[in-house]
Amino acid sequence: MANGDAHSFAGTAVGLAVPLIDKDTIKETPELLLAGPLVGNFFGKLPDIIEPAFKNPNHRQFFHSVAVLAAVGYGVKKAYDWQPEDKFEKVIRGILLCAGAGYLSHLALDAITPRNLPLVGKL
């Protein structure tokens, strides 16, 4: 069962992996090697910040749902396909990719637990 430490580790790992895997990002914006893991870590914990487990052991609702997984996945794909022109936009693109990957890592870890993810959940 994934806990806060597992979500932090996974978010940090994907936040580091994104700039390393996307060769254009690392050439154009090497500062993402520092920012990416921090962004990935935060967004890897964000679903539990929005819907904390201490309020309800069955806390997985909308922000832990398959619907949000699909929406964030779509957003990551759009950010990946974006061809920014200047340095600032390239940094924003990299941050969006790290943030999306961090959030998706949280949902992926939760999806493989016995409780899984709800299809939509309640708002």
C-alpha atoms as a PDB file:
ATOM      1  CA  MET A   1       0.000   0.000   0.000  1.00  0.00           C
ATOM      2  CA  ALA A   2       1.454   3.360  -1.031  1.00  0.00           C
ATOM      3  CA  ASN A   3       1.990   5.879   1.764  1.00  0.00           C
ATOM      4  CA  GLY A   4       3.244   9.457   1.877  1.00  0.00           C
ATOM      5  CA  ASP A   5       6.893   8.410   1.650  1.00  0.00           C
ATOM      6  CA  ALA A   6       6.209   6.237  -1.392  1.00  0.00           C
ATOM      7  CA  HIS A   7       4.340   9.082  -3.107  1.00  0.00           C
ATOM      8  CA  SER A   8       7.176  11.521  -2.301  1.00  0.00           C
ATOM      9  CA  PHE A   9       9.798   9.135  -3.652  1.00  0.00           C
ATOM     10  CA  ALA A  10       7.847   8.382  -6.832  1.00  0.00           C
ATOM     11  CA  GLY A  11       7.096  12.051  -7.475  1.00  0.00           C
ATOM     12  CA  THR A  12      10.730  13.012  -6.963  1.00  0.00           C
ATOM     13  CA  ALA A  13      11.898  10.173  -9.220  1.00  0.00           C
ATOM     14  CA  VAL A  14       9.616  11.096 -12.117  1.00  0.00           C
ATOM     15  CA  GLY A  15      10.425  14.788 -11.616  1.00  0.00           C
ATOM     16  CA  LEU A  16      14.075  13.904 -12.177  1.00  0.00           C
ATOM     17  CA  ALA A  17      13.368  11.428 -14.976  1.00  0.00           C
ATOM     18  CA  VAL A  18      11.393  13.861 -17.137  1.00  0.00           C
ATOM     19  CA  PRO A  19      14.261  16.254 -17.921  1.00  0.00           C
ATOM     20  CA  LEU A  20      16.677  13.336 -18.297  1.00  0.00           C
ATOM     21  CA  ILE A  21      14.445  11.468 -20.753  1.00  0.00           C
ATOM     22  CA  ASP A  22      13.345  14.499 -22.782  1.00  0.00           C
ATOM     23  CA  LYS A  23      16.689  15.394 -24.373  1.00  0.00           C
ATOM     24  CA  ASP A  24      15.462  18.740 -25.734  1.00  0.00           C
ATOM     25  CA  THR A  25      14.426  19.812 -22.231  1.00  0.00           C
ATOM     26  CA  ILE A  26      17.780  19.002 -20.652  1.00  0.00           C
ATOM     27  CA  LYS A  27      19.747  20.817 -23.392  1.00  0.00           C
ATOM     28  CA  GLU A  28      17.598  23.931 -23.290  1.00  0.00           C
ATOM     29  CA  THR A  29      16.732  24.097 -19.575  1.00  0.00           C
ATOM     30  CA  PRO A  30      19.297  22.271 -17.398  1.00  0.00           C
ATOM     31  CA  GLU A  31      17.884  24.035 -14.305  1.00  0.00           C
ATOM     32  CA  LEU A  32      15.017  21.544 -14.445  1.00  0.00           C
ATOM     33  CA  LEU A  33      17.418  18.957 -13.014  1.00  0.00           C
ATOM     34  CA  LEU A  34      17.022  20.880  -9.744  1.00  0.00           C
ATOM     35  CA  ALA A  35      13.443  22.117 -10.070  1.00  0.00           C
ATOM     36  CA  GLY A  36      11.955  18.957 -11.596  1.00  0.00           C
ATOM     37  CA  PRO A  37      12.350  16.708  -8.549  1.00  0.00           C
ATOM     38  CA  LEU A  38      10.903  19.393  -6.257  1.00  0.00           C
ATOM     39  CA  VAL A  39       7.926  19.961  -8.533  1.00  0.00           C
ATOM     40  CA  GLY A  40       7.408  16.208  -8.991  1.00  0.00           C
ATOM     41  CA  ASN A  41       7.576  15.640  -5.234  1.00  0.00           C
ATOM     42  CA  PHE A  42       4.949  18.283  -4.498  1.00  0.00           C
ATOM     43  CA  PHE A  43       2.573  17.145  -7.234  1.00  0.00           C
ATOM     44  CA  GLY A  44       3.166  13.523  -6.241  1.00  0.00           C
ATOM     45  CA  LYS A  45       1.622  14.375  -2.852  1.00  0.00           C
ATOM     46  CA  LEU A  46      -1.014  16.829  -4.116  1.00  0.00           C
ATOM     47  CA  PRO A  47      -3.966  14.405  -4.354  1.00  0.00           C
ATOM     48  CA  ASP A  48      -3.566  13.564  -0.642  1.00  0.00           C
ATOM     49  CA  ILE A  49      -3.232  17.266   0.190  1.00  0.00           C
ATOM     50  CA  ILE A  50      -6.518  17.976  -1.592  1.00  0.00           C
ATOM     51  CA  GLU A  51      -8.278  14.849  -0.240  1.00  0.00           C
ATOM     52  CA  PRO A  52      -6.442  13.867   2.957  1.00  0.00           C
ATOM     53  CA  ALA A  53      -6.778  10.347   4.338  1.00  0.00           C
ATOM     54  CA  PHE A  54      -7.238  11.536   7.942  1.00  0.00           C
ATOM     55  CA  LYS A  55     -10.680  12.938   7.108  1.00  0.00           C
ATOM     56  CA  ASN A  56     -11.927   9.612   5.781  1.00  0.00           C
ATOM     57  CA  PRO A  57     -10.140   6.285   5.234  1.00  0.00           C
ATOM     58  CA  ASN A  58     -12.058   6.037   1.945  1.00  0.00           C
ATOM     59  CA  HIS A  59     -10.769   9.462   0.932  1.00  0.00           C
ATOM     60  CA  ARG A  60     -10.280   8.696  -2.741  1.00  0.00           C
ATOM     61  CA  GLN A  61     -12.849  10.770  -4.525  1.00  0.00           C
ATOM     62  CA  PHE A  62     -12.687  13.032  -7.590  1.00  0.00           C
ATOM     63  CA  PHE A  63      -9.026  14.067  -7.357  1.00  0.00           C
ATOM     64  CA  HIS A  64      -8.049  10.394  -6.978  1.00  0.00           C
ATOM     65  CA  SER A  65     -10.213   9.231  -9.891  1.00  0.00           C
ATOM     66  CA  VAL A  66      -9.755   7.662 -13.303  1.00  0.00           C
ATOM     67  CA  ALA A  67     -11.396  10.795 -14.762  1.00  0.00           C
ATOM     68  CA  VAL A  68      -8.662  13.025 -13.317  1.00  0.00           C
ATOM     69  CA  LEU A  69      -6.015  10.497 -14.390  1.00  0.00           C
ATOM     70  CA  ALA A  70      -7.285  10.821 -17.972  1.00  0.00           C
ATOM     71  CA  ALA A  71      -7.491  14.621 -17.791  1.00  0.00           C
ATOM     72  CA  VAL A  72      -3.980  15.023 -16.367  1.00  0.00           C
ATOM     73  CA  GLY A  73      -2.657  12.496 -18.885  1.00  0.00           C
ATOM     74  CA  TYR A  74      -4.224  14.520 -21.687  1.00  0.00           C
ATOM     75  CA  GLY A  75      -2.677  17.702 -20.285  1.00  0.00           C
ATOM     76  CA  VAL A  76       0.765  16.075 -20.089  1.00  0.00           C
ATOM     77  CA  LYS A  77       0.435  14.961 -23.722  1.00  0.00           C
ATOM     78  CA  LYS A  78      -0.502  18.498 -24.773  1.00  0.00           C
ATOM     79  CA  ALA A  79       2.473  19.927 -22.834  1.00  0.00           C
ATOM     80  CA  TYR A  80       4.772  17.303 -24.393  1.00  0.00           C
ATOM     81  CA  ASP A  81       3.613  18.233 -27.906  1.00  0.00           C
ATOM     82  CA  TRP A  82       4.003  21.984 -27.250  1.00  0.00           C
ATOM     83  CA  GLN A  83       6.941  23.520 -29.098  1.00  0.00           C
ATOM     84  CA  PRO A  84       7.830  26.636 -27.058  1.00  0.00           C
ATOM     85  CA  GLU A  85       9.873  29.346 -28.702  1.00  0.00           C
ATOM     86  CA  ASP A  86      11.665  31.158 -25.883  1.00  0.00           C
ATOM     87  CA  LYS A  87      13.533  30.080 -22.759  1.00  0.00           C
ATOM     88  CA  PHE A  88      10.738  31.043 -20.335  1.00  0.00           C
ATOM     89  CA  GLU A  89       8.183  28.949 -22.234  1.00  0.00           C
ATOM     90  CA  LYS A  90      10.617  26.025 -22.317  1.00  0.00           C
ATOM     91  CA  VAL A  91      10.972  26.187 -18.533  1.00  0.00           C
ATOM     92  CA  ILE A  92       7.170  26.334 -18.157  1.00  0.00           C
ATOM     93  CA  ARG A  93       6.822  23.305 -20.451  1.00  0.00           C
ATOM     94  CA  GLY A  94       9.340  21.361 -18.371  1.00  0.00           C
ATOM     95  CA  ILE A  95       7.617  22.288 -15.112  1.00  0.00           C
ATOM     96  CA  LEU A  96       4.238  21.240 -16.529  1.00  0.00           C
ATOM     97  CA  LEU A  97       5.687  17.883 -17.573  1.00  0.00           C
ATOM     98  CA  CYS A  98       7.257  17.295 -14.140  1.00  0.00           C
ATOM     99  CA  ALA A  99       4.070  18.351 -12.339  1.00  0.00           C
ATOM    100  CA  GLY A 100       1.881  16.124 -14.470  1.00  0.00           C
ATOM    101  CA  ALA A 101       4.239  13.179 -14.114  1.00  0.00           C
ATOM    102  CA  GLY A 102       4.281  13.645 -10.330  1.00  0.00           C
ATOM    103  CA  TYR A 103       0.484  13.704 -10.105  1.00  0.00           C
ATOM    104  CA  LEU A 104       0.197  10.684 -12.406  1.00  0.00           C
ATOM    105  CA  SER A 105       2.728   8.775 -10.292  1.00  0.00           C
ATOM    106  CA  HIS A 106       0.457   9.236  -7.261  1.00  0.00           C
ATOM    107  CA  LEU A 107      -2.596   7.975  -9.108  1.00  0.00           C
ATOM    108  CA  ALA A 108      -0.664   5.045 -10.597  1.00  0.00           C
ATOM    109  CA  LEU A 109       0.512   3.933  -7.146  1.00  0.00           C
ATOM    110  CA  ASP A 110      -3.014   4.239  -5.757  1.00  0.00           C
ATOM    111  CA  ALA A 111      -4.449   2.342  -8.735  1.00  0.00           C
ATOM    112  CA  ILE A 112      -2.484  -0.803  -7.853  1.00  0.00           C
ATOM    113  CA  THR A 113      -3.789  -0.960  -4.274  1.00  0.00           C
ATOM    114  CA  PRO A 114      -6.816  -3.068  -3.254  1.00  0.00           C
ATOM    115  CA  ARG A 115      -9.023   0.069  -3.066  1.00  0.00           C
ATOM    116  CA  ASN A 116      -8.025   1.119  -6.595  1.00  0.00           C
ATOM    117  CA  LEU A 117      -9.359   4.413  -7.992  1.00  0.00           C
ATOM    118  CA  PRO A 118     -12.994   5.442  -8.403  1.00  0.00           C
ATOM    119  CA  LEU A 119     -14.148   6.105 -11.944  1.00  0.00           C
ATOM    120  CA  VAL A 120     -15.247   9.673 -11.146  1.00  0.00           C
ATOM    121  CA  GLY A 121     -15.751  10.013  -7.372  1.00  0.00           C
ATOM    122  CA  LYS A 122     -17.550  12.818  -5.560  1.00  0.00           C
ATOM    123  CA  LEU A 123     -16.484  16.452  -5.638  1.00  0.00           C
END
